[in-house]
């Protein structure tokens, strides 16, 4: 088994109210249930808005761009193709851009 990070990204200025209705929340809950039933979900977490972040580091400016990390799953799966399958489902349920990346 291998660990993969499945990250959900949102555009800066994203307003969740019109996009993440009750149907979307239900789909995300169903995806979480499916991951648990498959025995692949290690951890899941949603994050507050970027304005709540505190940046630390020597002379390192905050990361800026067109998108921010909104939430993520850590999955323990057999191979990349399985992780990509879960990532595709996450993108559909969250209605968002998703990145799938292996841990070292």
N, C-alpha and C. Protein backbone atom coordinates (compact mmCIF):
# COMPACT_ATOMS: atom_id res chain seq x y z
N UNK A 1 0.85 -1.19 0.00
CA UNK A 1 0.00 0.00 0.00
C UNK A 1 0.89 1.24 0.00
N UNK A 2 0.36 2.34 -0.51
CA UNK A 2 1.09 3.61 -0.59
C UNK A 2 0.17 4.74 -0.18
N UNK A 3 0.77 5.77 0.41
CA UNK A 3 -0.01 6.93 0.84
C UNK A 3 -0.04 7.99 -0.25
N UNK A 4 -1.23 8.54 -0.48
CA UNK A 4 -1.43 9.62 -1.45
C UNK A 4 -2.22 10.74 -0.80
N UNK A 5 -1.89 11.96 -1.17
CA UNK A 5 -2.62 13.14 -0.75
C UNK A 5 -3.55 13.54 -1.91
N UNK A 6 -4.84 13.61 -1.63
CA UNK A 6 -5.83 14.07 -2.60
C UNK A 6 -6.29 15.44 -2.12
N UNK A 7 -5.87 16.50 -2.81
CA UNK A 7 -6.10 17.88 -2.37
C UNK A 7 -7.15 18.56 -3.23
N UNK A 8 -8.02 19.32 -2.59
CA UNK A 8 -9.08 20.08 -3.27
C UNK A 8 -8.67 21.55 -3.31
N UNK A 9 -8.70 22.14 -4.48
CA UNK A 9 -8.33 23.55 -4.64
C UNK A 9 -9.53 24.37 -5.10
N UNK A 10 -9.59 25.59 -4.61
CA UNK A 10 -10.65 26.53 -4.98
C UNK A 10 -10.02 27.80 -5.53
N UNK A 11 -10.71 28.48 -6.44
CA UNK A 11 -10.21 29.76 -6.93
C UNK A 11 -10.31 30.83 -5.85
N UNK A 12 -9.36 31.75 -5.85
CA UNK A 12 -9.40 32.88 -4.91
C UNK A 12 -10.73 33.60 -5.12
N UNK A 13 -11.41 33.92 -4.04
CA UNK A 13 -12.70 34.59 -4.11
C UNK A 13 -13.88 33.64 -4.24
N UNK A 14 -13.64 32.35 -4.17
CA UNK A 14 -14.70 31.35 -4.31
C UNK A 14 -15.76 31.55 -3.24
N UNK A 15 -17.02 31.54 -3.65
CA UNK A 15 -18.15 31.64 -2.73
C UNK A 15 -18.81 30.27 -2.68
N UNK A 16 -18.70 29.54 -1.56
CA UNK A 16 -19.24 28.20 -1.51
C UNK A 16 -20.77 28.13 -1.53
N UNK A 17 -21.45 29.21 -1.18
CA UNK A 17 -22.91 29.17 -1.06
C UNK A 17 -23.61 28.67 -2.33
N UNK A 18 -23.36 29.25 -3.50
CA UNK A 18 -24.09 28.77 -4.67
C UNK A 18 -23.59 27.44 -5.22
N UNK A 19 -22.32 27.12 -5.00
CA UNK A 19 -21.73 25.93 -5.60
C UNK A 19 -21.87 24.68 -4.74
N UNK A 20 -21.73 24.86 -3.44
CA UNK A 20 -21.76 23.71 -2.54
C UNK A 20 -23.08 23.66 -1.80
N UNK A 21 -24.11 23.29 -2.53
CA UNK A 21 -25.45 23.19 -1.96
C UNK A 21 -25.59 21.87 -1.19
N UNK A 22 -26.78 21.57 -0.74
CA UNK A 22 -27.02 20.36 0.03
C UNK A 22 -26.66 19.11 -0.77
N UNK A 23 -26.88 19.14 -2.08
CA UNK A 23 -26.53 18.01 -2.93
C UNK A 23 -25.04 17.74 -2.93
N UNK A 24 -24.25 18.79 -3.03
CA UNK A 24 -22.79 18.63 -3.01
C UNK A 24 -22.33 18.08 -1.67
N UNK A 25 -22.85 18.61 -0.58
CA UNK A 25 -22.47 18.12 0.74
C UNK A 25 -22.83 16.65 0.90
N UNK A 26 -23.97 16.25 0.36
CA UNK A 26 -24.40 14.85 0.41
C UNK A 26 -23.43 13.97 -0.38
N UNK A 27 -23.01 14.44 -1.57
CA UNK A 27 -22.07 13.68 -2.39
C UNK A 27 -20.71 13.53 -1.69
N UNK A 28 -20.26 14.59 -1.03
CA UNK A 28 -18.99 14.52 -0.30
C UNK A 28 -19.11 13.54 0.85
N UNK A 29 -20.22 13.58 1.58
CA UNK A 29 -20.44 12.62 2.67
C UNK A 29 -20.46 11.19 2.14
N UNK A 30 -21.12 10.98 1.00
CA UNK A 30 -21.18 9.64 0.39
C UNK A 30 -19.78 9.17 -0.03
N UNK A 31 -18.98 10.10 -0.58
CA UNK A 31 -17.61 9.75 -0.96
C UNK A 31 -16.81 9.34 0.27
N UNK A 32 -16.94 10.10 1.34
CA UNK A 32 -16.24 9.74 2.58
C UNK A 32 -16.66 8.36 3.07
N UNK A 33 -17.95 8.08 3.03
CA UNK A 33 -18.45 6.76 3.45
C UNK A 33 -17.87 5.66 2.56
N UNK A 34 -17.79 5.93 1.25
CA UNK A 34 -17.26 4.95 0.31
C UNK A 34 -15.77 4.69 0.58
N UNK A 35 -15.02 5.74 0.86
CA UNK A 35 -13.59 5.58 1.17
C UNK A 35 -13.39 4.76 2.45
N UNK A 36 -14.21 5.04 3.46
CA UNK A 36 -14.12 4.29 4.71
C UNK A 36 -14.46 2.82 4.46
N UNK A 37 -15.54 2.56 3.72
CA UNK A 37 -15.95 1.19 3.43
C UNK A 37 -14.87 0.44 2.65
N UNK A 38 -14.15 1.14 1.76
CA UNK A 38 -13.08 0.52 0.98
C UNK A 38 -11.80 0.36 1.79
N UNK A 39 -11.74 0.98 2.97
CA UNK A 39 -10.57 0.87 3.83
C UNK A 39 -9.37 1.66 3.36
N UNK A 40 -9.61 2.74 2.58
CA UNK A 40 -8.49 3.52 2.05
C UNK A 40 -8.29 4.86 2.74
N UNK A 41 -9.31 5.37 3.43
CA UNK A 41 -9.20 6.70 4.03
C UNK A 41 -8.41 6.63 5.33
N UNK A 42 -7.32 7.39 5.38
CA UNK A 42 -6.50 7.51 6.59
C UNK A 42 -6.93 8.74 7.38
N UNK A 43 -7.14 9.85 6.67
CA UNK A 43 -7.49 11.12 7.31
C UNK A 43 -8.16 12.00 6.28
N UNK A 44 -9.08 12.84 6.73
CA UNK A 44 -9.72 13.82 5.86
C UNK A 44 -9.84 15.12 6.65
N UNK A 45 -9.70 16.25 5.96
CA UNK A 45 -9.85 17.53 6.64
C UNK A 45 -10.20 18.63 5.68
N UNK A 46 -11.13 19.46 6.08
CA UNK A 46 -11.45 20.68 5.35
C UNK A 46 -10.77 21.84 6.05
N UNK A 47 -10.38 22.83 5.29
CA UNK A 47 -9.65 23.97 5.86
C UNK A 47 -10.49 25.24 5.80
N UNK A 48 -10.23 26.13 6.75
CA UNK A 48 -10.89 27.43 6.73
C UNK A 48 -10.27 28.28 5.62
N UNK A 49 -10.86 29.43 5.38
CA UNK A 49 -10.40 30.31 4.30
C UNK A 49 -8.94 30.73 4.49
N UNK A 50 -8.23 31.04 3.40
CA UNK A 50 -6.83 31.44 3.49
C UNK A 50 -6.61 32.65 4.38
N UNK A 51 -7.60 33.50 4.54
CA UNK A 51 -7.43 34.70 5.38
C UNK A 51 -7.22 34.33 6.85
N UNK A 52 -7.50 33.09 7.24
CA UNK A 52 -7.30 32.67 8.62
C UNK A 52 -5.91 32.08 8.86
N UNK A 53 -5.12 31.94 7.79
CA UNK A 53 -3.79 31.31 7.90
C UNK A 53 -2.78 32.26 8.53
N UNK A 54 -1.82 31.68 9.22
CA UNK A 54 -0.68 32.41 9.76
C UNK A 54 0.56 31.87 9.06
N UNK A 55 1.31 32.75 8.43
CA UNK A 55 2.50 32.35 7.68
C UNK A 55 3.73 32.50 8.55
N UNK A 56 4.60 31.51 8.53
CA UNK A 56 5.82 31.50 9.32
C UNK A 56 7.00 31.16 8.42
N UNK A 57 8.17 31.66 8.78
CA UNK A 57 9.37 31.31 8.04
C UNK A 57 10.24 32.53 7.81
N UNK A 58 11.52 32.29 7.66
CA UNK A 58 12.45 33.40 7.46
C UNK A 58 12.33 33.99 6.05
N UNK A 59 11.86 35.21 5.99
CA UNK A 59 11.78 35.94 4.73
C UNK A 59 11.03 35.18 3.65
N UNK A 60 9.98 34.47 4.04
CA UNK A 60 9.17 33.73 3.08
C UNK A 60 7.82 34.41 3.00
N UNK A 61 7.52 35.02 1.85
CA UNK A 61 6.20 35.66 1.72
C UNK A 61 5.11 34.61 1.60
N UNK A 62 3.89 34.95 1.96
CA UNK A 62 2.78 34.01 1.78
C UNK A 62 2.65 33.60 0.31
N UNK A 63 2.28 32.38 0.09
CA UNK A 63 2.07 31.89 -1.26
C UNK A 63 0.83 32.58 -1.82
N UNK A 64 0.95 33.08 -3.02
CA UNK A 64 -0.20 33.72 -3.66
C UNK A 64 -0.43 33.06 -5.01
N UNK A 65 -1.57 33.24 -5.56
CA UNK A 65 -1.88 32.66 -6.86
C UNK A 65 -3.36 32.75 -7.13
N UNK A 66 -3.82 31.90 -8.00
CA UNK A 66 -5.21 31.92 -8.41
C UNK A 66 -6.09 30.97 -7.62
N UNK A 67 -5.48 30.10 -6.78
CA UNK A 67 -6.25 29.10 -6.06
C UNK A 67 -5.66 28.88 -4.68
N UNK A 68 -6.46 28.24 -3.82
CA UNK A 68 -6.00 27.90 -2.48
C UNK A 68 -6.44 26.49 -2.11
N UNK A 69 -5.73 25.89 -1.17
CA UNK A 69 -6.06 24.55 -0.69
C UNK A 69 -7.28 24.65 0.21
N UNK A 70 -8.34 23.92 -0.14
CA UNK A 70 -9.60 23.97 0.61
C UNK A 70 -9.78 22.78 1.54
N UNK A 71 -9.22 21.65 1.19
CA UNK A 71 -9.35 20.46 2.00
C UNK A 71 -8.59 19.32 1.37
N UNK A 72 -8.55 18.18 2.06
CA UNK A 72 -7.74 17.08 1.55
C UNK A 72 -8.12 15.75 2.21
N UNK A 73 -7.70 14.68 1.55
CA UNK A 73 -7.77 13.34 2.09
C UNK A 73 -6.37 12.76 2.05
N UNK A 74 -6.03 11.94 3.02
CA UNK A 74 -4.85 11.08 2.95
C UNK A 74 -5.39 9.67 2.76
N UNK A 75 -4.97 9.04 1.66
CA UNK A 75 -5.46 7.71 1.32
C UNK A 75 -4.33 6.70 1.30
N UNK A 76 -4.60 5.50 1.72
CA UNK A 76 -3.65 4.40 1.68
C UNK A 76 -4.19 3.41 0.65
N UNK A 77 -3.60 3.42 -0.54
CA UNK A 77 -4.09 2.61 -1.65
C UNK A 77 -2.95 1.78 -2.25
N UNK A 78 -3.31 0.84 -3.11
CA UNK A 78 -2.33 -0.09 -3.67
C UNK A 78 -1.41 0.57 -4.71
N UNK A 79 -1.93 1.54 -5.47
CA UNK A 79 -1.13 2.11 -6.55
C UNK A 79 -1.73 3.44 -7.02
N UNK A 80 -0.98 4.13 -7.86
CA UNK A 80 -1.39 5.45 -8.35
C UNK A 80 -2.75 5.42 -9.04
N UNK A 81 -3.01 4.42 -9.86
CA UNK A 81 -4.29 4.37 -10.57
C UNK A 81 -5.47 4.37 -9.62
N UNK A 82 -5.33 3.67 -8.50
CA UNK A 82 -6.41 3.66 -7.51
C UNK A 82 -6.57 5.05 -6.89
N UNK A 83 -5.45 5.70 -6.58
CA UNK A 83 -5.50 7.06 -6.03
C UNK A 83 -6.15 8.02 -7.01
N UNK A 84 -5.82 7.88 -8.29
CA UNK A 84 -6.41 8.75 -9.31
C UNK A 84 -7.91 8.53 -9.42
N UNK A 85 -8.35 7.30 -9.28
CA UNK A 85 -9.78 7.01 -9.29
C UNK A 85 -10.51 7.74 -8.17
N UNK A 86 -9.94 7.69 -6.97
CA UNK A 86 -10.54 8.42 -5.84
C UNK A 86 -10.46 9.92 -6.08
N UNK A 87 -9.36 10.39 -6.66
CA UNK A 87 -9.22 11.81 -6.95
C UNK A 87 -10.28 12.30 -7.93
N UNK A 88 -10.58 11.49 -8.94
CA UNK A 88 -11.64 11.87 -9.89
C UNK A 88 -12.98 11.98 -9.19
N UNK A 89 -13.27 11.02 -8.32
CA UNK A 89 -14.53 11.06 -7.56
C UNK A 89 -14.57 12.30 -6.66
N UNK A 90 -13.43 12.65 -6.06
CA UNK A 90 -13.36 13.83 -5.19
C UNK A 90 -13.64 15.10 -5.99
N UNK A 91 -13.07 15.19 -7.19
CA UNK A 91 -13.30 16.36 -8.03
C UNK A 91 -14.76 16.53 -8.39
N UNK A 92 -15.44 15.41 -8.67
CA UNK A 92 -16.86 15.46 -9.01
C UNK A 92 -17.68 15.87 -7.79
N UNK A 93 -17.44 15.21 -6.66
CA UNK A 93 -18.22 15.50 -5.45
C UNK A 93 -18.00 16.92 -4.96
N UNK A 94 -16.74 17.38 -5.00
CA UNK A 94 -16.42 18.72 -4.48
C UNK A 94 -16.61 19.81 -5.52
N UNK A 95 -16.83 19.40 -6.77
CA UNK A 95 -16.99 20.37 -7.85
C UNK A 95 -15.78 21.31 -7.90
N UNK A 96 -14.60 20.67 -7.93
CA UNK A 96 -13.37 21.45 -7.79
C UNK A 96 -12.20 20.77 -8.48
N UNK A 97 -11.14 21.54 -8.66
CA UNK A 97 -9.87 21.02 -9.14
C UNK A 97 -9.25 20.19 -8.02
N UNK A 98 -8.74 19.01 -8.36
CA UNK A 98 -8.16 18.11 -7.36
C UNK A 98 -6.76 17.72 -7.82
N UNK A 99 -5.83 17.67 -6.87
CA UNK A 99 -4.47 17.19 -7.12
C UNK A 99 -4.28 15.89 -6.37
N UNK A 100 -3.65 14.92 -7.01
CA UNK A 100 -3.29 13.66 -6.37
C UNK A 100 -1.76 13.59 -6.36
N UNK A 101 -1.18 13.42 -5.16
CA UNK A 101 0.28 13.43 -5.05
C UNK A 101 0.73 12.37 -4.04
N UNK A 102 1.75 11.57 -4.40
CA UNK A 102 2.24 10.56 -3.45
C UNK A 102 3.09 11.19 -2.34
N UNK A 103 3.08 10.53 -1.20
CA UNK A 103 3.99 10.89 -0.11
C UNK A 103 5.34 10.23 -0.39
N UNK A 104 6.40 10.76 0.21
CA UNK A 104 7.74 10.11 0.12
C UNK A 104 7.68 8.81 0.87
